[in-house]
Amino acid sequence: MNLMPSMQVLEADNIPALLAQGRRLKRAGYTLDEMLDHLGLDELTWYRYQAEYGALAPEQSRQLRKLEIENQRLRLTVSQLMLDKLTLEEAAWTAARESSAA
């Protein structure tokens, strides 16, 4: 059993192809440990990739990654807009307080 963490970093686009290669190796008679050694993965990474990308075709994987990037960009935009809104509300509150004090 391969318990050492993998040093291999994969792009999301490459993971479905890696899973398909692993399945081919298993059908060819490789044991799980042999297959993982051949692929350069540890067991936890293999099962995590299967859970996350196992049912995805390569094109779906690319689309998922694009959507994740877009989601991250939109979250950042919303955060910036909320900060701008709070800044404007604080400025308006300060201006109203100063005008009522004068």
C-alpha atoms as a PDB file:
ATOM      1  CA  MET A   1       0.000   0.000   0.000  1.00  0.00           C
ATOM      2  CA  ASN A   2       1.319   3.410  -0.985  1.00  0.00           C
ATOM      3  CA  LEU A   3       0.984   5.657   2.086  1.00  0.00           C
ATOM      4  CA  MET A   4       3.411   8.374   1.007  1.00  0.00           C
ATOM      5  CA  PRO A   5       1.807  11.584  -0.234  1.00  0.00           C
ATOM      6  CA  SER A   6       1.974  12.140  -3.943  1.00  0.00           C
ATOM      7  CA  MET A   7       4.218  14.893  -5.223  1.00  0.00           C
ATOM      8  CA  GLN A   8       2.359  14.970  -8.534  1.00  0.00           C
ATOM      9  CA  VAL A   9       0.158  18.020  -9.064  1.00  0.00           C
ATOM     10  CA  LEU A  10      -2.453  17.600 -11.750  1.00  0.00           C
ATOM     11  CA  GLU A  11      -4.603  20.062 -13.594  1.00  0.00           C
ATOM     12  CA  ALA A  12      -8.323  19.315 -13.352  1.00  0.00           C
ATOM     13  CA  ASP A  13      -8.359  18.720 -17.108  1.00  0.00           C
ATOM     14  CA  ASN A  14      -5.943  15.789 -16.757  1.00  0.00           C
ATOM     15  CA  ILE A  15      -7.670  13.956 -13.936  1.00  0.00           C
ATOM     16  CA  PRO A  16     -10.421  12.169 -15.969  1.00  0.00           C
ATOM     17  CA  ALA A  17      -7.770  10.819 -18.361  1.00  0.00           C
ATOM     18  CA  LEU A  18      -5.703   9.629 -15.391  1.00  0.00           C
ATOM     19  CA  LEU A  19      -8.747   7.884 -13.916  1.00  0.00           C
ATOM     20  CA  ALA A  20      -9.442   6.200 -17.260  1.00  0.00           C
ATOM     21  CA  GLN A  21      -5.827   5.023 -17.426  1.00  0.00           C
ATOM     22  CA  GLY A  22      -6.137   3.638 -13.905  1.00  0.00           C
ATOM     23  CA  ARG A  23      -9.310   1.755 -14.808  1.00  0.00           C
ATOM     24  CA  ARG A  24      -7.553   0.278 -17.863  1.00  0.00           C
ATOM     25  CA  LEU A  25      -4.664  -0.869 -15.681  1.00  0.00           C
ATOM     26  CA  LYS A  26      -7.077  -2.480 -13.196  1.00  0.00           C
ATOM     27  CA  ARG A  27      -8.803  -4.356 -16.059  1.00  0.00           C
ATOM     28  CA  ALA A  28      -5.358  -5.474 -17.262  1.00  0.00           C
ATOM     29  CA  GLY A  29      -4.830  -7.185 -13.919  1.00  0.00           C
ATOM     30  CA  TYR A  30      -2.821  -4.647 -11.947  1.00  0.00           C
ATOM     31  CA  THR A  31      -3.433  -4.610  -8.210  1.00  0.00           C
ATOM     32  CA  LEU A  32      -4.493  -1.333  -6.647  1.00  0.00           C
ATOM     33  CA  ASP A  33      -0.994  -0.747  -5.260  1.00  0.00           C
ATOM     34  CA  GLU A  34       0.658  -1.507  -8.604  1.00  0.00           C
ATOM     35  CA  MET A  35      -1.759   0.760 -10.444  1.00  0.00           C
ATOM     36  CA  LEU A  36      -1.217   3.613  -7.970  1.00  0.00           C
ATOM     37  CA  ASP A  37       2.572   3.230  -8.178  1.00  0.00           C
ATOM     38  CA  HIS A  38       2.364   3.279 -11.967  1.00  0.00           C
ATOM     39  CA  LEU A  39       0.238   6.442 -11.910  1.00  0.00           C
ATOM     40  CA  GLY A  40       2.291   8.096  -9.159  1.00  0.00           C
ATOM     41  CA  LEU A  41      -0.683   8.601  -6.851  1.00  0.00           C
ATOM     42  CA  ASP A  42      -1.471   7.660  -3.293  1.00  0.00           C
ATOM     43  CA  GLU A  43      -4.649   5.809  -2.382  1.00  0.00           C
ATOM     44  CA  LEU A  44      -6.392   8.787  -0.777  1.00  0.00           C
ATOM     45  CA  THR A  45      -5.774  10.948  -3.833  1.00  0.00           C
ATOM     46  CA  TRP A  46      -7.052   8.202  -6.133  1.00  0.00           C
ATOM     47  CA  TYR A  47     -10.339   7.886  -4.232  1.00  0.00           C
ATOM     48  CA  ARG A  48     -10.713  11.663  -3.901  1.00  0.00           C
ATOM     49  CA  TYR A  49     -10.249  12.070  -7.668  1.00  0.00           C
ATOM     50  CA  GLN A  50     -12.744   9.262  -8.298  1.00  0.00           C
ATOM     51  CA  ALA A  51     -15.324  10.884  -6.054  1.00  0.00           C
ATOM     52  CA  GLU A  52     -14.868  14.316  -7.591  1.00  0.00           C
ATOM     53  CA  TYR A  53     -14.150  13.556 -11.255  1.00  0.00           C
ATOM     54  CA  GLY A  54     -15.038   9.898 -11.763  1.00  0.00           C
ATOM     55  CA  ALA A  55     -18.206  10.462 -13.731  1.00  0.00           C
ATOM     56  CA  LEU A  56     -16.904  13.426 -15.737  1.00  0.00           C
ATOM     57  CA  ALA A  57     -15.715  13.350 -19.308  1.00  0.00           C
ATOM     58  CA  PRO A  58     -12.635  15.498 -20.043  1.00  0.00           C
ATOM     59  CA  GLU A  59     -14.768  18.242 -21.595  1.00  0.00           C
ATOM     60  CA  GLN A  60     -17.026  18.292 -18.541  1.00  0.00           C
ATOM     61  CA  SER A  61     -13.958  18.558 -16.347  1.00  0.00           C
ATOM     62  CA  ARG A  62     -12.739  21.593 -18.306  1.00  0.00           C
ATOM     63  CA  GLN A  63     -16.186  23.171 -18.075  1.00  0.00           C
ATOM     64  CA  LEU A  64     -16.295  22.520 -14.324  1.00  0.00           C
ATOM     65  CA  ARG A  65     -12.915  24.217 -13.887  1.00  0.00           C
ATOM     66  CA  LYS A  66     -14.074  27.233 -15.935  1.00  0.00           C
ATOM     67  CA  LEU A  67     -17.201  27.495 -13.791  1.00  0.00           C
ATOM     68  CA  GLU A  68     -15.145  27.255 -10.592  1.00  0.00           C
ATOM     69  CA  ILE A  69     -12.903  30.094 -11.798  1.00  0.00           C
ATOM     70  CA  GLU A  70     -15.918  32.195 -12.789  1.00  0.00           C
ATOM     71  CA  ASN A  71     -17.544  31.522  -9.411  1.00  0.00           C
ATOM     72  CA  GLN A  72     -14.374  32.630  -7.635  1.00  0.00           C
ATOM     73  CA  ARG A  73     -14.266  35.825  -9.742  1.00  0.00           C
ATOM     74  CA  LEU A  74     -17.923  36.583  -9.017  1.00  0.00           C
ATOM     75  CA  ARG A  75     -17.457  36.033  -5.268  1.00  0.00           C
ATOM     76  CA  LEU A  76     -14.563  38.496  -5.300  1.00  0.00           C
ATOM     77  CA  THR A  77     -16.674  41.030  -7.199  1.00  0.00           C
ATOM     78  CA  VAL A  78     -19.540  40.686  -4.714  1.00  0.00           C
ATOM     79  CA  SER A  79     -17.117  41.127  -1.813  1.00  0.00           C
ATOM     80  CA  GLN A  80     -15.707  44.282  -3.365  1.00  0.00           C
ATOM     81  CA  LEU A  81     -19.188  45.671  -4.011  1.00  0.00           C
ATOM     82  CA  MET A  82     -20.252  44.959  -0.432  1.00  0.00           C
ATOM     83  CA  LEU A  83     -17.163  46.770   0.840  1.00  0.00           C
ATOM     84  CA  ASP A  84     -17.936  49.749  -1.422  1.00  0.00           C
ATOM     85  CA  LYS A  85     -21.535  49.790  -0.171  1.00  0.00           C
ATOM     86  CA  LEU A  86     -20.441  49.759   3.468  1.00  0.00           C
ATOM     87  CA  THR A  87     -17.953  52.545   2.801  1.00  0.00           C
ATOM     88  CA  LEU A  88     -20.657  54.681   1.170  1.00  0.00           C
ATOM     89  CA  GLU A  89     -23.129  53.977   3.973  1.00  0.00           C
ATOM     90  CA  GLU A  90     -20.555  54.971   6.550  1.00  0.00           C
ATOM     91  CA  ALA A  91     -19.747  58.158   4.645  1.00  0.00           C
ATOM     92  CA  ALA A  92     -23.451  59.025   4.363  1.00  0.00           C
ATOM     93  CA  TRP A  93     -24.010  58.317   8.062  1.00  0.00           C
ATOM     94  CA  THR A  94     -21.014  60.486   9.013  1.00  0.00           C
ATOM     95  CA  ALA A  95     -22.191  63.315   6.736  1.00  0.00           C
ATOM     96  CA  ALA A  96     -25.737  63.152   8.158  1.00  0.00           C
ATOM     97  CA  ARG A  97     -24.406  63.195  11.722  1.00  0.00           C
ATOM     98  CA  GLU A  98     -22.154  66.175  10.998  1.00  0.00           C
ATOM     99  CA  SER A  99     -24.953  68.136   9.294  1.00  0.00           C
ATOM    100  CA  SER A 100     -27.363  67.529  12.196  1.00  0.00           C
ATOM    101  CA  ALA A 101     -24.707  68.607  14.707  1.00  0.00           C
ATOM    102  CA  ALA A 102     -24.075  71.877  12.915  1.00  0.00           C
END
